[in-house]
Amino acid sequence: MVVQRFIERGVDAAITIRRTPSATTIEVGLGGPASALDGPELGYLPLTLADTRSLVASSALGRRPHRSAGPCRSDRVVQRLANLVEHTEEVATLIADPVVASVRGAWVADVSIELRAPADDLPVRQLA
């Protein structure tokens, strides 16, 4: 038996972070079929909290009001995912889709992470 909390109703969002040799980009927008209606907003890491709020507010996700009372609040989950990628050099790509966003917050329902080879200077432990 698996028991888990249901995610409350909200807007389907998508967050994609890609690391390239020149820059690390983040895309925030609507997920699922709605993504065809309005493309994602592009930003660059590192992000301050003010940068994150501005990125989310200017995206289709920030402009779309939730049925209950105002815009969706997803800036915290965007900031946390950006921090994860920024501080973990092995992450090449992170795709969080769907992220269910509402006025109370956002919940990552599915995430895919592509890793690259670690740096050569990692310490190696050997058993004697």
N, C-alpha and C. Protein backbone atom coordinates (compact mmCIF):
# COMPACT_ATOMS: atom_id res chain seq x y z
N MET A 1 0.84 -1.15 0.00
CA MET A 1 0.00 0.00 0.00
C MET A 1 0.90 1.23 0.00
N VAL A 2 0.55 2.19 -0.82
CA VAL A 2 1.26 3.46 -0.86
C VAL A 2 0.26 4.55 -0.48
N VAL A 3 0.64 5.34 0.50
CA VAL A 3 -0.22 6.44 0.93
C VAL A 3 0.55 7.73 0.70
N GLN A 4 -0.05 8.64 -0.02
CA GLN A 4 0.58 9.93 -0.24
C GLN A 4 -0.48 11.00 -0.34
N ARG A 5 -0.06 12.21 -0.10
CA ARG A 5 -0.96 13.35 -0.11
C ARG A 5 -1.34 13.71 -1.54
N PHE A 6 -2.59 14.07 -1.76
CA PHE A 6 -3.01 14.54 -3.06
C PHE A 6 -2.51 15.97 -3.26
N ILE A 7 -2.13 16.27 -4.48
CA ILE A 7 -1.73 17.64 -4.80
C ILE A 7 -3.01 18.42 -5.09
N GLU A 8 -3.09 19.63 -4.54
CA GLU A 8 -4.30 20.41 -4.78
C GLU A 8 -4.37 20.87 -6.23
N ARG A 9 -5.54 21.28 -6.64
CA ARG A 9 -5.74 21.73 -8.02
C ARG A 9 -4.94 23.01 -8.26
N GLY A 10 -4.48 23.13 -9.50
CA GLY A 10 -3.70 24.32 -9.85
C GLY A 10 -3.43 24.36 -11.34
N VAL A 11 -2.45 25.15 -11.69
CA VAL A 11 -2.05 25.35 -13.07
C VAL A 11 -0.86 24.44 -13.36
N ASP A 12 -0.88 23.79 -14.51
CA ASP A 12 0.21 22.92 -14.93
C ASP A 12 1.36 23.79 -15.43
N ALA A 13 2.51 23.71 -14.76
CA ALA A 13 3.68 24.50 -15.13
C ALA A 13 4.82 23.59 -15.53
N ALA A 14 5.80 24.16 -16.21
CA ALA A 14 7.01 23.43 -16.61
C ALA A 14 8.22 24.29 -16.31
N ILE A 15 9.25 23.67 -15.73
CA ILE A 15 10.51 24.35 -15.42
C ILE A 15 11.63 23.51 -16.02
N THR A 16 12.43 24.11 -16.88
CA THR A 16 13.55 23.42 -17.52
C THR A 16 14.83 24.20 -17.28
N ILE A 17 15.85 23.51 -16.80
CA ILE A 17 17.15 24.13 -16.56
C ILE A 17 18.19 23.34 -17.36
N ARG A 18 18.97 24.06 -18.18
CA ARG A 18 20.00 23.42 -19.01
C ARG A 18 21.35 24.09 -18.76
N ARG A 19 22.37 23.25 -18.55
CA ARG A 19 23.72 23.75 -18.36
C ARG A 19 24.50 23.50 -19.65
N THR A 20 25.07 24.56 -20.23
CA THR A 20 25.93 24.46 -21.40
C THR A 20 27.29 25.03 -21.02
N PRO A 21 28.30 24.85 -21.86
CA PRO A 21 29.60 25.43 -21.52
C PRO A 21 29.58 26.96 -21.39
N SER A 22 28.68 27.61 -22.10
CA SER A 22 28.65 29.08 -22.07
C SER A 22 27.74 29.67 -21.00
N ALA A 23 26.64 28.99 -20.65
CA ALA A 23 25.68 29.55 -19.68
C ALA A 23 24.75 28.46 -19.18
N THR A 24 24.11 28.75 -18.06
CA THR A 24 23.06 27.88 -17.55
C THR A 24 21.75 28.64 -17.66
N THR A 25 20.81 28.08 -18.43
CA THR A 25 19.54 28.75 -18.68
C THR A 25 18.42 28.08 -17.91
N ILE A 26 17.37 28.86 -17.65
CA ILE A 26 16.17 28.34 -17.01
C ILE A 26 14.97 28.85 -17.80
N GLU A 27 14.04 27.95 -18.06
CA GLU A 27 12.79 28.31 -18.74
C GLU A 27 11.63 28.02 -17.80
N VAL A 28 10.75 28.99 -17.66
CA VAL A 28 9.57 28.86 -16.80
C VAL A 28 8.34 29.20 -17.63
N GLY A 29 7.36 28.31 -17.61
CA GLY A 29 6.14 28.57 -18.36
C GLY A 29 5.06 27.56 -18.06
N LEU A 30 4.04 27.60 -18.86
CA LEU A 30 2.94 26.65 -18.71
C LEU A 30 3.39 25.28 -19.20
N GLY A 31 2.85 24.24 -18.61
CA GLY A 31 3.17 22.88 -19.02
C GLY A 31 2.01 22.26 -19.77
N GLY A 32 2.22 21.04 -20.23
CA GLY A 32 1.17 20.31 -20.92
C GLY A 32 0.74 20.98 -22.21
N PRO A 33 -0.50 20.77 -22.62
CA PRO A 33 -1.00 21.34 -23.87
C PRO A 33 -0.99 22.86 -23.90
N ALA A 34 -1.09 23.51 -22.74
CA ALA A 34 -1.11 24.97 -22.69
C ALA A 34 0.22 25.59 -23.09
N SER A 35 1.30 24.80 -23.08
CA SER A 35 2.61 25.34 -23.44
C SER A 35 2.66 25.76 -24.91
N ALA A 36 1.80 25.19 -25.74
CA ALA A 36 1.75 25.57 -27.15
C ALA A 36 1.14 26.96 -27.34
N LEU A 37 0.36 27.42 -26.37
CA LEU A 37 -0.31 28.72 -26.48
C LEU A 37 0.61 29.88 -26.12
N ASP A 38 1.54 29.66 -25.21
CA ASP A 38 2.41 30.73 -24.74
C ASP A 38 3.75 30.12 -24.35
N GLY A 39 4.80 30.52 -25.01
CA GLY A 39 6.12 29.95 -24.78
C GLY A 39 6.68 30.32 -23.40
N PRO A 40 7.75 29.63 -23.00
CA PRO A 40 8.33 29.87 -21.68
C PRO A 40 9.14 31.17 -21.64
N GLU A 41 9.33 31.67 -20.45
CA GLU A 41 10.17 32.84 -20.20
C GLU A 41 11.58 32.34 -19.91
N LEU A 42 12.60 32.97 -20.46
CA LEU A 42 13.98 32.53 -20.35
C LEU A 42 14.75 33.39 -19.35
N GLY A 43 15.52 32.72 -18.50
CA GLY A 43 16.40 33.42 -17.56
C GLY A 43 17.74 32.70 -17.50
N TYR A 44 18.66 33.28 -16.74
CA TYR A 44 20.00 32.72 -16.61
C TYR A 44 20.37 32.59 -15.14
N LEU A 45 21.06 31.49 -14.84
CA LEU A 45 21.54 31.27 -13.48
C LEU A 45 22.89 31.96 -13.32
N PRO A 46 23.23 32.42 -12.12
CA PRO A 46 22.50 32.28 -10.87
C PRO A 46 21.35 33.28 -10.78
N LEU A 47 20.34 32.91 -9.99
CA LEU A 47 19.16 33.74 -9.79
C LEU A 47 19.07 34.19 -8.33
N THR A 48 18.85 35.47 -8.13
CA THR A 48 18.51 35.93 -6.79
C THR A 48 17.01 35.69 -6.61
N LEU A 49 16.52 35.87 -5.40
CA LEU A 49 15.08 35.70 -5.17
C LEU A 49 14.30 36.74 -5.97
N ALA A 50 14.82 37.96 -6.06
CA ALA A 50 14.15 39.01 -6.86
C ALA A 50 14.12 38.63 -8.34
N ASP A 51 15.25 38.05 -8.85
CA ASP A 51 15.29 37.59 -10.24
C ASP A 51 14.25 36.50 -10.48
N THR A 52 14.14 35.59 -9.52
CA THR A 52 13.19 34.48 -9.64
C THR A 52 11.77 35.00 -9.69
N ARG A 53 11.45 35.91 -8.79
CA ARG A 53 10.08 36.47 -8.76
C ARG A 53 9.76 37.21 -10.05
N SER A 54 10.73 37.94 -10.57
CA SER A 54 10.53 38.67 -11.82
C SER A 54 10.33 37.71 -12.99
N LEU A 55 11.14 36.64 -13.03
CA LEU A 55 11.03 35.63 -14.09
C LEU A 55 9.66 34.96 -14.07
N VAL A 56 9.21 34.54 -12.89
CA VAL A 56 7.92 33.88 -12.78
C VAL A 56 6.78 34.85 -13.11
N ALA A 57 6.87 36.08 -12.63
CA ALA A 57 5.81 37.06 -12.87
C ALA A 57 5.68 37.41 -14.36
N SER A 58 6.80 37.43 -15.08
CA SER A 58 6.74 37.78 -16.50
C SER A 58 6.39 36.59 -17.39
N SER A 59 6.38 35.39 -16.82
CA SER A 59 6.03 34.19 -17.60
C SER A 59 4.51 34.05 -17.70
N ALA A 60 4.08 33.16 -18.57
CA ALA A 60 2.65 32.88 -18.71
C ALA A 60 2.08 32.34 -17.39
N LEU A 61 2.91 31.66 -16.63
CA LEU A 61 2.48 31.13 -15.34
C LEU A 61 2.13 32.25 -14.37
N GLY A 62 2.93 33.29 -14.34
CA GLY A 62 2.67 34.42 -13.45
C GLY A 62 1.51 35.29 -13.89
N ARG A 63 1.27 35.31 -15.18
CA ARG A 63 0.17 36.13 -15.70
C ARG A 63 -1.18 35.43 -15.62
N ARG A 64 -1.16 34.11 -15.41
CA ARG A 64 -2.42 33.35 -15.41
C ARG A 64 -2.98 33.28 -13.99
N PRO A 65 -4.14 33.86 -13.74
CA PRO A 65 -4.72 33.79 -12.40
C PRO A 65 -5.28 32.41 -12.09
N HIS A 66 -5.18 32.02 -10.86
CA HIS A 66 -5.77 30.76 -10.41
C HIS A 66 -7.23 31.04 -10.10
N ARG A 67 -8.05 30.02 -10.21
CA ARG A 67 -9.50 30.19 -10.01
C ARG A 67 -9.84 30.75 -8.63
N SER A 68 -9.08 30.38 -7.62
CA SER A 68 -9.49 30.75 -6.27
C SER A 68 -9.20 32.20 -5.90
N ALA A 69 -7.99 32.73 -6.22
CA ALA A 69 -7.75 34.09 -5.77
C ALA A 69 -6.40 34.63 -6.20
N GLY A 70 -6.19 34.88 -7.45
CA GLY A 70 -4.98 35.56 -7.86
C GLY A 70 -3.96 34.68 -8.58
N PRO A 71 -2.76 35.26 -8.75
CA PRO A 71 -1.73 34.56 -9.53
C PRO A 71 -1.13 33.37 -8.78
N CYS A 72 -0.57 32.46 -9.54
CA CYS A 72 0.05 31.27 -8.97
C CYS A 72 1.36 31.63 -8.29
N ARG A 73 1.65 30.95 -7.20
CA ARG A 73 2.89 31.18 -6.44
C ARG A 73 3.83 30.01 -6.67
N SER A 74 4.76 30.18 -7.58
CA SER A 74 5.70 29.10 -7.87
C SER A 74 7.15 29.55 -7.74
N ASP A 75 7.38 30.77 -7.25
CA ASP A 75 8.74 31.28 -7.18
C ASP A 75 9.65 30.48 -6.25
N ARG A 76 9.10 29.94 -5.18
CA ARG A 76 9.93 29.15 -4.26
C ARG A 76 10.45 27.88 -4.89
N VAL A 77 9.60 27.16 -5.59
CA VAL A 77 10.05 25.91 -6.21
C VAL A 77 11.03 26.21 -7.35
N VAL A 78 10.82 27.29 -8.09
CA VAL A 78 11.77 27.68 -9.14
C VAL A 78 13.12 27.99 -8.52
N GLN A 79 13.13 28.74 -7.43
CA GLN A 79 14.38 29.10 -6.75
C GLN A 79 15.10 27.86 -6.22
N ARG A 80 14.36 26.94 -5.65
CA ARG A 80 14.98 25.71 -5.11
C ARG A 80 15.57 24.84 -6.20
N LEU A 81 14.88 24.68 -7.32
CA LEU A 81 15.41 23.89 -8.42
C LEU A 81 16.64 24.56 -9.02
N ALA A 82 16.61 25.89 -9.15
CA ALA A 82 17.77 26.63 -9.67
C ALA A 82 18.97 26.46 -8.74
N ASN A 83 18.75 26.53 -7.43
CA ASN A 83 19.84 26.34 -6.46
C ASN A 83 20.40 24.94 -6.55
N LEU A 84 19.55 23.95 -6.72
CA LEU A 84 20.00 22.56 -6.84
C LEU A 84 20.96 22.41 -8.02
N VAL A 85 20.57 22.94 -9.18
CA VAL A 85 21.42 22.82 -10.36
C VAL A 85 22.69 23.65 -10.20
N GLU A 86 22.56 24.83 -9.64
CA GLU A 86 23.72 25.70 -9.47
C GLU A 86 24.79 25.08 -8.58
N HIS A 87 24.36 24.35 -7.55
CA HIS A 87 25.30 23.78 -6.59
C HIS A 87 25.66 22.32 -6.86
N THR A 88 25.14 21.74 -7.92
CA THR A 88 25.46 20.36 -8.28
C THR A 88 25.95 20.35 -9.72
N GLU A 89 27.27 20.38 -9.89
CA GLU A 89 27.84 20.52 -11.23
C GLU A 89 27.57 19.34 -12.14
N GLU A 90 27.22 18.19 -11.59
CA GLU A 90 26.95 17.01 -12.42
C GLU A 90 25.61 17.10 -13.15
N VAL A 91 24.73 17.99 -12.74
CA VAL A 91 23.42 18.11 -13.39
C VAL A 91 23.59 18.87 -14.71
N ALA A 92 23.28 18.20 -15.81
CA ALA A 92 23.34 18.82 -17.13
C ALA A 92 21.99 19.42 -17.51
N THR A 93 20.91 18.67 -17.23
CA THR A 93 19.56 19.13 -17.56
C THR A 93 18.60 18.69 -16.46
N LEU A 94 17.70 19.58 -16.09
CA LEU A 94 16.64 19.25 -15.15
C LEU A 94 15.32 19.70 -15.77
N ILE A 95 14.38 18.78 -15.90
CA ILE A 95 13.06 19.10 -16.44
C ILE A 95 12.02 18.70 -15.41
N ALA A 96 11.33 19.69 -14.87
CA ALA A 96 10.25 19.46 -13.91
C ALA A 96 8.94 19.77 -14.63
N ASP A 97 8.22 18.73 -15.00
CA ASP A 97 6.97 18.89 -15.74
C ASP A 97 6.12 17.65 -15.55
N PRO A 98 5.02 17.73 -14.89
CA PRO A 98 4.34 18.93 -14.46
C PRO A 98 4.75 19.38 -13.06
N VAL A 99 4.67 20.68 -12.89
CA VAL A 99 4.72 21.32 -11.58
C VAL A 99 3.34 21.91 -11.41
N VAL A 100 2.65 21.53 -10.36
CA VAL A 100 1.28 22.02 -10.14
C VAL A 100 1.38 23.25 -9.24
N ALA A 101 1.00 24.40 -9.80
CA ALA A 101 1.12 25.68 -9.10
C ALA A 101 -0.25 26.23 -8.76
N SER A 102 -0.35 26.78 -7.55
CA SER A 102 -1.60 27.41 -7.11
C SER A 102 -1.24 28.65 -6.30
N VAL A 103 -2.24 29.29 -5.72
CA VAL A 103 -1.98 30.47 -4.90
C VAL A 103 -1.27 30.12 -3.60
N ARG A 104 -1.30 28.87 -3.19
CA ARG A 104 -0.65 28.43 -1.95
C ARG A 104 0.79 27.99 -2.14
N GLY A 105 1.20 27.70 -3.37
CA GLY A 105 2.55 27.21 -3.62
C GLY A 105 2.59 26.36 -4.86
N ALA A 106 3.65 25.57 -4.97
CA ALA A 106 3.82 24.70 -6.14
C ALA A 106 4.40 23.37 -5.70
N TRP A 107 4.02 22.31 -6.40
CA TRP A 107 4.46 20.95 -6.09
C TRP A 107 4.97 20.30 -7.36
N VAL A 108 6.18 19.74 -7.28
CA VAL A 108 6.76 19.04 -8.42
C VAL A 108 6.16 17.65 -8.46
N ALA A 109 5.45 17.34 -9.52
CA ALA A 109 4.82 16.03 -9.66
C ALA A 109 5.72 15.05 -10.41
N ASP A 110 6.58 15.55 -11.29
CA ASP A 110 7.49 14.68 -12.04
C ASP A 110 8.73 15.48 -12.39
N VAL A 111 9.89 14.84 -12.27
CA VAL A 111 11.15 15.51 -12.60
C VAL A 111 12.07 14.52 -13.30
N SER A 112 12.79 15.02 -14.28
CA SER A 112 13.78 14.23 -15.00
C SER A 112 15.11 14.98 -14.90
N ILE A 113 16.16 14.28 -14.49
CA ILE A 113 17.48 14.90 -14.35
C ILE A 113 18.49 14.11 -15.16
N GLU A 114 19.19 14.81 -16.04
CA GLU A 114 20.26 14.20 -16.83
C GLU A 114 21.59 14.61 -16.21
N LEU A 115 22.42 13.62 -15.90
CA LEU A 115 23.70 13.88 -15.28
C LEU A 115 24.82 13.78 -16.31
N ARG A 116 25.87 14.54 -16.08
CA ARG A 116 27.08 14.41 -16.90
C ARG A 116 28.19 13.84 -16.04
N ALA A 117 29.29 13.49 -16.65
CA ALA A 117 30.40 12.90 -15.90
C ALA A 117 30.93 13.89 -14.87
N PRO A 118 31.28 13.41 -13.68
CA PRO A 118 31.81 14.32 -12.65
C PRO A 118 33.19 14.83 -13.03
N ALA A 119 33.60 15.89 -12.39
CA ALA A 119 34.92 16.47 -12.63
C ALA A 119 36.01 15.46 -12.28
N ASP A 120 37.14 15.58 -12.94
CA ASP A 120 38.24 14.64 -12.73
C ASP A 120 38.90 14.77 -11.36
N ASP A 121 38.74 15.88 -10.71
CA ASP A 121 39.46 16.11 -9.45
C ASP A 121 38.71 15.61 -8.22
N LEU A 122 37.74 14.73 -8.39
CA LEU A 122 37.04 14.16 -7.25
C LEU A 122 37.97 13.20 -6.50
N PRO A 123 37.95 13.26 -5.17
CA PRO A 123 38.79 12.33 -4.43
C PRO A 123 38.26 10.90 -4.55
N VAL A 124 39.15 9.96 -4.66
CA VAL A 124 38.78 8.55 -4.78
C VAL A 124 39.16 7.84 -3.50
N ARG A 125 38.21 7.15 -2.93
CA ARG A 125 38.48 6.36 -1.72
C ARG A 125 38.87 4.95 -2.11
N GLN A 126 39.86 4.42 -1.45
CA GLN A 126 40.25 3.04 -1.70
C GLN A 126 40.30 2.31 -0.40
N LEU A 127 39.87 1.06 -0.42
CA LEU A 127 39.95 0.23 0.77
C LEU A 127 41.30 -0.47 0.79
N ALA A 128 41.93 -0.48 1.93
CA ALA A 128 43.26 -1.09 2.05
C ALA A 128 43.15 -2.59 2.20
